[in-house]
């Protein structure tokens, strides 16, 4: 698999969307929980904190996968 600039650009875009999407999704979920349970703003704050942790976990997983693919391509 080539590791040209286009591939690196696509990987960076995937990382950005994965990280921000996880946080945005958790914020929406928190907003919905707050609306349903009338717990403003605690549901959103809690879900955003969980989303940030989940975003970092996904970020690390994807970076490890990209590294593994690059090492396998060099062989």
N, C-alpha and C. Protein backbone atom coordinates (compact mmCIF):
# COMPACT_ATOMS: atom_id res chain seq x y z
N UNK A 1 0.85 -1.18 0.00
CA UNK A 1 0.00 0.00 0.00
C UNK A 1 0.89 1.23 0.00
N UNK A 2 0.69 2.11 -0.95
CA UNK A 2 1.53 3.32 -0.99
C UNK A 2 1.20 4.26 0.14
N UNK A 3 2.22 4.93 0.61
CA UNK A 3 2.01 5.91 1.68
C UNK A 3 2.28 7.31 1.16
N UNK A 4 1.70 7.63 0.02
CA UNK A 4 1.87 8.93 -0.58
C UNK A 4 1.12 10.00 0.19
N UNK A 5 1.24 11.22 -0.31
CA UNK A 5 0.63 12.34 0.39
C UNK A 5 -0.90 12.26 0.38
N UNK A 6 -1.48 11.69 -0.68
CA UNK A 6 -2.93 11.56 -0.74
C UNK A 6 -3.44 10.57 0.31
N UNK A 7 -2.72 9.48 0.49
CA UNK A 7 -3.10 8.49 1.49
C UNK A 7 -2.99 9.08 2.89
N UNK A 8 -1.91 9.82 3.14
CA UNK A 8 -1.75 10.46 4.45
C UNK A 8 -2.83 11.51 4.69
N UNK A 9 -3.20 12.24 3.65
CA UNK A 9 -4.26 13.23 3.77
C UNK A 9 -5.59 12.55 4.11
N UNK A 10 -5.89 11.44 3.43
CA UNK A 10 -7.14 10.71 3.68
C UNK A 10 -7.15 10.14 5.10
N UNK A 11 -6.02 9.64 5.56
CA UNK A 11 -5.95 9.12 6.92
C UNK A 11 -6.18 10.22 7.94
N UNK A 12 -5.60 11.38 7.70
CA UNK A 12 -5.81 12.51 8.61
C UNK A 12 -7.27 12.94 8.64
N UNK A 13 -7.92 12.94 7.49
CA UNK A 13 -9.34 13.26 7.44
C UNK A 13 -10.18 12.25 8.19
N UNK A 14 -9.82 10.98 8.03
CA UNK A 14 -10.55 9.92 8.75
C UNK A 14 -10.39 10.09 10.26
N UNK A 15 -9.19 10.39 10.69
CA UNK A 15 -8.95 10.60 12.12
C UNK A 15 -9.74 11.79 12.65
N UNK A 16 -9.75 12.88 11.88
CA UNK A 16 -10.46 14.08 12.31
C UNK A 16 -11.97 13.83 12.43
N UNK A 17 -12.54 13.17 11.42
CA UNK A 17 -13.98 12.91 11.46
C UNK A 17 -14.33 11.90 12.54
N UNK A 18 -13.50 10.91 12.75
CA UNK A 18 -13.78 9.90 13.78
C UNK A 18 -13.75 10.55 15.17
N UNK A 19 -12.74 11.36 15.43
CA UNK A 19 -12.59 11.99 16.74
C UNK A 19 -13.73 12.98 17.01
N UNK A 20 -13.95 13.89 16.08
CA UNK A 20 -14.98 14.91 16.29
C UNK A 20 -16.38 14.31 16.22
N UNK A 21 -16.56 13.30 15.39
CA UNK A 21 -17.87 12.65 15.30
C UNK A 21 -18.27 11.94 16.58
N UNK A 22 -17.29 11.33 17.23
CA UNK A 22 -17.57 10.66 18.50
C UNK A 22 -18.01 11.68 19.55
N UNK A 23 -17.32 12.79 19.61
CA UNK A 23 -17.67 13.82 20.59
C UNK A 23 -19.02 14.46 20.24
N UNK A 24 -19.24 14.75 18.96
CA UNK A 24 -20.51 15.37 18.56
C UNK A 24 -21.68 14.42 18.80
N UNK A 25 -21.49 13.15 18.51
CA UNK A 25 -22.54 12.17 18.75
C UNK A 25 -22.89 12.06 20.22
N UNK A 26 -21.88 12.10 21.06
CA UNK A 26 -22.15 12.02 22.50
C UNK A 26 -22.81 13.30 23.00
N UNK A 27 -22.48 14.44 22.41
CA UNK A 27 -23.13 15.70 22.80
C UNK A 27 -24.61 15.67 22.44
N UNK A 28 -24.94 15.16 21.26
CA UNK A 28 -26.34 15.05 20.86
C UNK A 28 -27.07 14.08 21.79
N UNK A 29 -26.44 12.97 22.10
CA UNK A 29 -27.05 12.01 23.02
C UNK A 29 -27.29 12.66 24.39
N UNK A 30 -26.32 13.42 24.89
CA UNK A 30 -26.49 14.12 26.16
C UNK A 30 -27.61 15.14 26.11
N UNK A 31 -27.73 15.84 25.00
CA UNK A 31 -28.80 16.82 24.83
C UNK A 31 -30.17 16.13 24.86
N UNK A 32 -30.25 14.98 24.19
CA UNK A 32 -31.51 14.23 24.20
C UNK A 32 -31.84 13.70 25.60
N UNK A 33 -30.84 13.23 26.29
CA UNK A 33 -31.05 12.75 27.66
C UNK A 33 -31.52 13.89 28.56
N UNK A 34 -30.88 15.05 28.41
CA UNK A 34 -31.30 16.22 29.20
C UNK A 34 -32.74 16.61 28.91
N UNK A 35 -33.13 16.56 27.65
CA UNK A 35 -34.51 16.91 27.29
C UNK A 35 -35.51 15.91 27.83
N UNK A 36 -35.14 14.65 27.84
CA UNK A 36 -36.05 13.61 28.31
C UNK A 36 -36.16 13.59 29.83
N UNK A 37 -35.02 13.70 30.50
CA UNK A 37 -35.01 13.60 31.96
C UNK A 37 -35.04 14.95 32.67
N UNK A 38 -34.97 16.04 31.90
CA UNK A 38 -34.93 17.40 32.44
C UNK A 38 -33.81 17.56 33.47
N UNK A 39 -32.60 17.23 33.06
CA UNK A 39 -31.43 17.30 33.94
C UNK A 39 -30.40 18.29 33.43
N UNK A 40 -30.85 19.35 32.75
CA UNK A 40 -29.91 20.33 32.17
C UNK A 40 -28.88 20.77 33.17
N UNK A 41 -27.66 20.89 32.87
CA UNK A 41 -26.84 20.45 31.74
C UNK A 41 -26.04 19.19 32.05
N UNK A 42 -26.43 18.47 33.08
CA UNK A 42 -25.59 17.37 33.58
C UNK A 42 -25.49 16.20 32.62
N UNK A 43 -26.55 15.88 31.92
CA UNK A 43 -26.50 14.78 30.96
C UNK A 43 -25.55 15.08 29.82
N UNK A 44 -25.61 16.32 29.33
CA UNK A 44 -24.74 16.69 28.22
C UNK A 44 -23.27 16.72 28.66
N UNK A 45 -23.02 17.28 29.83
CA UNK A 45 -21.64 17.34 30.31
C UNK A 45 -21.08 15.93 30.51
N UNK A 46 -21.86 15.06 31.11
CA UNK A 46 -21.41 13.69 31.33
C UNK A 46 -21.16 12.96 30.03
N UNK A 47 -22.07 13.10 29.08
CA UNK A 47 -21.91 12.42 27.80
C UNK A 47 -20.74 12.98 27.00
N UNK A 48 -20.51 14.28 27.08
CA UNK A 48 -19.37 14.86 26.37
C UNK A 48 -18.06 14.34 26.96
N UNK A 49 -17.98 14.25 28.28
CA UNK A 49 -16.76 13.70 28.89
C UNK A 49 -16.53 12.25 28.47
N UNK A 50 -17.59 11.47 28.44
CA UNK A 50 -17.47 10.09 27.97
C UNK A 50 -17.09 10.06 26.49
N UNK A 51 -17.66 10.97 25.71
CA UNK A 51 -17.34 11.05 24.28
C UNK A 51 -15.90 11.43 24.02
N UNK A 52 -15.35 12.33 24.83
CA UNK A 52 -13.94 12.71 24.67
C UNK A 52 -13.05 11.50 24.96
N UNK A 53 -13.37 10.78 26.02
CA UNK A 53 -12.59 9.56 26.33
C UNK A 53 -12.72 8.55 25.21
N UNK A 54 -13.93 8.35 24.71
CA UNK A 54 -14.14 7.42 23.60
C UNK A 54 -13.45 7.88 22.33
N UNK A 55 -13.43 9.19 22.09
CA UNK A 55 -12.74 9.72 20.92
C UNK A 55 -11.25 9.45 20.98
N UNK A 56 -10.65 9.61 22.15
CA UNK A 56 -9.22 9.32 22.28
C UNK A 56 -8.94 7.83 22.13
N UNK A 57 -9.82 7.00 22.64
CA UNK A 57 -9.64 5.55 22.47
C UNK A 57 -9.68 5.19 20.99
N UNK A 58 -10.67 5.71 20.27
CA UNK A 58 -10.76 5.44 18.83
C UNK A 58 -9.55 6.01 18.08
N UNK A 59 -9.08 7.18 18.48
CA UNK A 59 -7.92 7.79 17.85
C UNK A 59 -6.70 6.89 17.99
N UNK A 60 -6.47 6.38 19.18
CA UNK A 60 -5.33 5.50 19.42
C UNK A 60 -5.48 4.20 18.63
N UNK A 61 -6.70 3.63 18.60
CA UNK A 61 -6.93 2.41 17.84
C UNK A 61 -6.63 2.61 16.36
N UNK A 62 -7.10 3.71 15.79
CA UNK A 62 -6.89 3.96 14.38
C UNK A 62 -5.42 4.22 14.07
N UNK A 63 -4.72 4.95 14.93
CA UNK A 63 -3.30 5.20 14.71
C UNK A 63 -2.51 3.90 14.76
N UNK A 64 -2.85 3.01 15.68
CA UNK A 64 -2.17 1.72 15.74
C UNK A 64 -2.45 0.90 14.48
N UNK A 65 -3.69 0.94 14.00
CA UNK A 65 -4.04 0.20 12.78
C UNK A 65 -3.27 0.76 11.58
N UNK A 66 -3.19 2.07 11.45
CA UNK A 66 -2.45 2.67 10.34
C UNK A 66 -0.97 2.30 10.42
N UNK A 67 -0.42 2.29 11.63
CA UNK A 67 0.98 1.92 11.80
C UNK A 67 1.20 0.47 11.40
N UNK A 68 0.29 -0.41 11.80
CA UNK A 68 0.40 -1.83 11.46
C UNK A 68 0.33 -2.03 9.94
N UNK A 69 -0.57 -1.31 9.26
CA UNK A 69 -0.70 -1.42 7.82
C UNK A 69 0.57 -0.93 7.15
N UNK A 70 1.15 0.14 7.62
CA UNK A 70 2.39 0.65 7.05
C UNK A 70 3.55 -0.33 7.23
N UNK A 71 3.65 -0.93 8.42
CA UNK A 71 4.73 -1.90 8.64
C UNK A 71 4.55 -3.14 7.77
N UNK A 72 3.30 -3.60 7.59
CA UNK A 72 3.07 -4.76 6.74
C UNK A 72 3.35 -4.46 5.28
N UNK A 73 3.12 -3.23 4.85
CA UNK A 73 3.39 -2.83 3.47
C UNK A 73 4.89 -2.77 3.20
N UNK A 74 5.68 -2.50 4.23
CA UNK A 74 7.14 -2.42 4.03
C UNK A 74 7.76 -3.79 3.87
N UNK A 75 7.10 -4.81 4.33
CA UNK A 75 7.66 -6.17 4.25
C UNK A 75 7.62 -6.72 2.88
